[in-house]
Amino acid sequence: MLGAAGGMGGMMVAIQAKRSDGAPPPGLLALRPRFTLITLTGVSLLWLTGLWMWLVRYDGSFLSTAFILKLVAAAFILAVALLGFMAVRRGSPGTPPPAYLQRLGPLAGLASYIAVALAVYVFG
């Protein structure tokens, strides 16, 4: 839930920043690094606990192709979260995120639905 909350918060900050006349308020821009950290923390925790449960419960065995596809979707979400975190850390507070992140963000949201659907299918 941390990953989803961070992603939704970052999206709301981006929408409000676009709506503002001139430069967005500094308080609004100060939220962006916090939301990217929340997102990355949540996604990382999901990876750590998910891999741990897979190793403990299933002894790291091959479960199915659907499980591999779920891992691919989850890896894409982790990559987008990491790219967002690095972009915010490298950028100055008033600059918008790179254009590629604005395109990848909604795709990461779609990938999260796919990952959940595949997890339900695999672990039923």
C-alpha atoms as a PDB file:
ATOM      1  CA  MET A   1       0.000   0.000   0.000  1.00  0.00           C
ATOM      2  CA  LEU A   2       2.948   2.340   0.532  1.00  0.00           C
ATOM      3  CA  GLY A   3       3.852   2.060  -3.138  1.00  0.00           C
ATOM      4  CA  ALA A   4       0.318   2.869  -4.254  1.00  0.00           C
ATOM      5  CA  ALA A   5       0.016   5.742  -1.778  1.00  0.00           C
ATOM      6  CA  GLY A   6       3.305   7.242  -2.915  1.00  0.00           C
ATOM      7  CA  GLY A   7       2.362   6.876  -6.562  1.00  0.00           C
ATOM      8  CA  MET A   8      -1.054   8.467  -6.055  1.00  0.00           C
ATOM      9  CA  GLY A   9       0.454  11.273  -3.977  1.00  0.00           C
ATOM     10  CA  GLY A  10       3.060  11.965  -6.636  1.00  0.00           C
ATOM     11  CA  MET A  11       0.361  12.041  -9.285  1.00  0.00           C
ATOM     12  CA  MET A  12      -1.679  14.543  -7.258  1.00  0.00           C
ATOM     13  CA  VAL A  13       1.389  16.754  -6.782  1.00  0.00           C
ATOM     14  CA  ALA A  14       2.025  16.674 -10.543  1.00  0.00           C
ATOM     15  CA  ILE A  15      -1.593  17.594 -11.331  1.00  0.00           C
ATOM     16  CA  GLN A  16      -1.560  20.500  -8.872  1.00  0.00           C
ATOM     17  CA  ALA A  17       1.814  21.689 -10.186  1.00  0.00           C
ATOM     18  CA  LYS A  18       0.415  21.826 -13.725  1.00  0.00           C
ATOM     19  CA  ARG A  19      -2.666  23.738 -12.560  1.00  0.00           C
ATOM     20  CA  SER A  20      -0.735  26.446 -10.752  1.00  0.00           C
ATOM     21  CA  ASP A  21      -0.108  29.746 -12.493  1.00  0.00           C
ATOM     22  CA  GLY A  22       3.631  30.305 -12.755  1.00  0.00           C
ATOM     23  CA  ALA A  23       5.913  28.338 -10.478  1.00  0.00           C
ATOM     24  CA  PRO A  24       4.234  25.790  -8.188  1.00  0.00           C
ATOM     25  CA  PRO A  25       4.310  26.614  -4.465  1.00  0.00           C
ATOM     26  CA  PRO A  26       7.476  25.427  -2.684  1.00  0.00           C
ATOM     27  CA  GLY A  27       5.434  23.435  -0.175  1.00  0.00           C
ATOM     28  CA  LEU A  28       3.903  21.444  -3.001  1.00  0.00           C
ATOM     29  CA  LEU A  29       7.272  20.773  -4.607  1.00  0.00           C
ATOM     30  CA  ALA A  30       8.677  19.671  -1.245  1.00  0.00           C
ATOM     31  CA  LEU A  31       6.229  16.757  -1.264  1.00  0.00           C
ATOM     32  CA  ARG A  32       7.614  15.204  -4.435  1.00  0.00           C
ATOM     33  CA  PRO A  33      10.810  13.732  -2.885  1.00  0.00           C
ATOM     34  CA  ARG A  34       8.803  12.371   0.041  1.00  0.00           C
ATOM     35  CA  PHE A  35       6.318  10.632  -2.220  1.00  0.00           C
ATOM     36  CA  THR A  36       9.048   9.094  -4.372  1.00  0.00           C
ATOM     37  CA  LEU A  37      10.745   7.774  -1.221  1.00  0.00           C
ATOM     38  CA  ILE A  38       7.435   6.342   0.041  1.00  0.00           C
ATOM     39  CA  THR A  39       6.846   4.676  -3.329  1.00  0.00           C
ATOM     40  CA  LEU A  40      10.326   3.171  -3.513  1.00  0.00           C
ATOM     41  CA  THR A  41      10.109   1.977   0.101  1.00  0.00           C
ATOM     42  CA  GLY A  42       6.746   0.311  -0.469  1.00  0.00           C
ATOM     43  CA  VAL A  43       7.779  -1.416  -3.678  1.00  0.00           C
ATOM     44  CA  SER A  44      11.067  -2.558  -2.123  1.00  0.00           C
ATOM     45  CA  LEU A  45       9.244  -4.010   0.883  1.00  0.00           C
ATOM     46  CA  LEU A  46       6.908  -5.898  -1.441  1.00  0.00           C
ATOM     47  CA  TRP A  47       9.899  -7.344  -3.277  1.00  0.00           C
ATOM     48  CA  LEU A  48      11.698  -8.365  -0.089  1.00  0.00           C
ATOM     49  CA  THR A  49       8.679  -9.967   1.558  1.00  0.00           C
ATOM     50  CA  GLY A  50       7.459 -11.546  -1.677  1.00  0.00           C
ATOM     51  CA  LEU A  51      10.791 -13.176  -2.445  1.00  0.00           C
ATOM     52  CA  TRP A  52      11.142 -14.302   1.166  1.00  0.00           C
ATOM     53  CA  MET A  53       7.688 -15.923   1.121  1.00  0.00           C
ATOM     54  CA  TRP A  54       8.434 -17.592  -2.219  1.00  0.00           C
ATOM     55  CA  LEU A  55      11.697 -19.019  -0.885  1.00  0.00           C
ATOM     56  CA  VAL A  56      10.193 -20.172   2.431  1.00  0.00           C
ATOM     57  CA  ARG A  57       6.884 -21.538   1.197  1.00  0.00           C
ATOM     58  CA  TYR A  58       7.828 -22.851  -2.249  1.00  0.00           C
ATOM     59  CA  ASP A  59      11.563 -23.462  -1.740  1.00  0.00           C
ATOM     60  CA  GLY A  60      12.355 -21.185  -4.687  1.00  0.00           C
ATOM     61  CA  SER A  61      10.872 -23.638  -7.162  1.00  0.00           C
ATOM     62  CA  PHE A  62       9.501 -22.734 -10.587  1.00  0.00           C
ATOM     63  CA  LEU A  63       5.788 -22.138 -10.087  1.00  0.00           C
ATOM     64  CA  SER A  64       4.500 -21.307 -13.552  1.00  0.00           C
ATOM     65  CA  THR A  65       4.876 -18.988 -16.498  1.00  0.00           C
ATOM     66  CA  ALA A  66       2.255 -16.734 -14.906  1.00  0.00           C
ATOM     67  CA  PHE A  67       4.538 -16.347 -11.885  1.00  0.00           C
ATOM     68  CA  ILE A  68       7.419 -15.302 -14.149  1.00  0.00           C
ATOM     69  CA  LEU A  69       5.130 -12.759 -15.858  1.00  0.00           C
ATOM     70  CA  LYS A  70       4.130 -11.446 -12.443  1.00  0.00           C
ATOM     71  CA  LEU A  71       7.811 -10.992 -11.586  1.00  0.00           C
ATOM     72  CA  VAL A  72       8.357  -9.139 -14.865  1.00  0.00           C
ATOM     73  CA  ALA A  73       5.466  -6.780 -14.083  1.00  0.00           C
ATOM     74  CA  ALA A  74       6.793  -6.270 -10.551  1.00  0.00           C
ATOM     75  CA  ALA A  75      10.309  -5.624 -11.885  1.00  0.00           C
ATOM     76  CA  PHE A  76       8.901  -2.964 -14.215  1.00  0.00           C
ATOM     77  CA  ILE A  77       7.156  -1.291 -11.266  1.00  0.00           C
ATOM     78  CA  LEU A  78      10.398  -1.374  -9.249  1.00  0.00           C
ATOM     79  CA  ALA A  79      12.349   0.102 -12.172  1.00  0.00           C
ATOM     80  CA  VAL A  80       9.876   2.979 -12.572  1.00  0.00           C
ATOM     81  CA  ALA A  81       9.934   3.644  -8.807  1.00  0.00           C
ATOM     82  CA  LEU A  82      13.733   3.667  -8.818  1.00  0.00           C
ATOM     83  CA  LEU A  83      13.901   5.940 -11.880  1.00  0.00           C
ATOM     84  CA  GLY A  84      11.443   8.334 -10.261  1.00  0.00           C
ATOM     85  CA  PHE A  85      13.419   8.394  -7.033  1.00  0.00           C
ATOM     86  CA  MET A  86      16.703   9.061  -8.851  1.00  0.00           C
ATOM     87  CA  ALA A  87      15.157  11.745 -11.092  1.00  0.00           C
ATOM     88  CA  VAL A  88      13.758  13.662  -8.134  1.00  0.00           C
ATOM     89  CA  ARG A  89      17.036  13.391  -6.228  1.00  0.00           C
ATOM     90  CA  ARG A  90      19.062  14.644  -9.206  1.00  0.00           C
ATOM     91  CA  GLY A  91      16.682  17.404 -10.278  1.00  0.00           C
ATOM     92  CA  SER A  92      16.355  20.817  -8.724  1.00  0.00           C
ATOM     93  CA  PRO A  93      13.197  21.463  -6.684  1.00  0.00           C
ATOM     94  CA  GLY A  94      11.401  23.553  -9.330  1.00  0.00           C
ATOM     95  CA  THR A  95      11.928  21.318 -12.341  1.00  0.00           C
ATOM     96  CA  PRO A  96       9.272  18.886 -13.520  1.00  0.00           C
ATOM     97  CA  PRO A  97      10.116  15.192 -13.770  1.00  0.00           C
ATOM     98  CA  PRO A  98      11.521  13.956 -17.089  1.00  0.00           C
ATOM     99  CA  ALA A  99       8.987  13.337 -19.847  1.00  0.00           C
ATOM    100  CA  TYR A 100       9.698   9.598 -19.916  1.00  0.00           C
ATOM    101  CA  LEU A 101       8.598   9.310 -16.268  1.00  0.00           C
ATOM    102  CA  GLN A 102       5.324  11.030 -17.059  1.00  0.00           C
ATOM    103  CA  ARG A 103       4.677   8.290 -19.632  1.00  0.00           C
ATOM    104  CA  LEU A 104       5.960   5.416 -17.493  1.00  0.00           C
ATOM    105  CA  GLY A 105       3.930   6.347 -14.395  1.00  0.00           C
ATOM    106  CA  PRO A 106       0.546   5.280 -15.803  1.00  0.00           C
ATOM    107  CA  LEU A 107       2.136   2.148 -17.261  1.00  0.00           C
ATOM    108  CA  ALA A 108       3.443   1.256 -13.799  1.00  0.00           C
ATOM    109  CA  GLY A 109      -0.104   1.605 -12.500  1.00  0.00           C
ATOM    110  CA  LEU A 110      -1.325  -0.774 -15.193  1.00  0.00           C
ATOM    111  CA  ALA A 111       1.531  -3.157 -14.386  1.00  0.00           C
ATOM    112  CA  SER A 112       0.430  -3.196 -10.750  1.00  0.00           C
ATOM    113  CA  TYR A 113      -3.051  -4.378 -11.767  1.00  0.00           C
ATOM    114  CA  ILE A 114      -1.468  -7.047 -13.953  1.00  0.00           C
ATOM    115  CA  ALA A 115       0.866  -8.158 -11.135  1.00  0.00           C
ATOM    116  CA  VAL A 116      -2.028  -8.447  -8.679  1.00  0.00           C
ATOM    117  CA  ALA A 117      -4.183 -10.357 -11.163  1.00  0.00           C
ATOM    118  CA  LEU A 118      -1.337 -12.771 -11.896  1.00  0.00           C
ATOM    119  CA  ALA A 119      -0.641 -13.212  -8.167  1.00  0.00           C
ATOM    120  CA  VAL A 120      -4.278 -14.112  -7.591  1.00  0.00           C
ATOM    121  CA  TYR A 121      -4.096 -16.584 -10.469  1.00  0.00           C
ATOM    122  CA  VAL A 122      -0.831 -18.172  -9.319  1.00  0.00           C
ATOM    123  CA  PHE A 123      -1.468 -18.282  -5.583  1.00  0.00           C
ATOM    124  CA  GLY A 124      -5.267 -18.507  -5.874  1.00  0.00           C
END
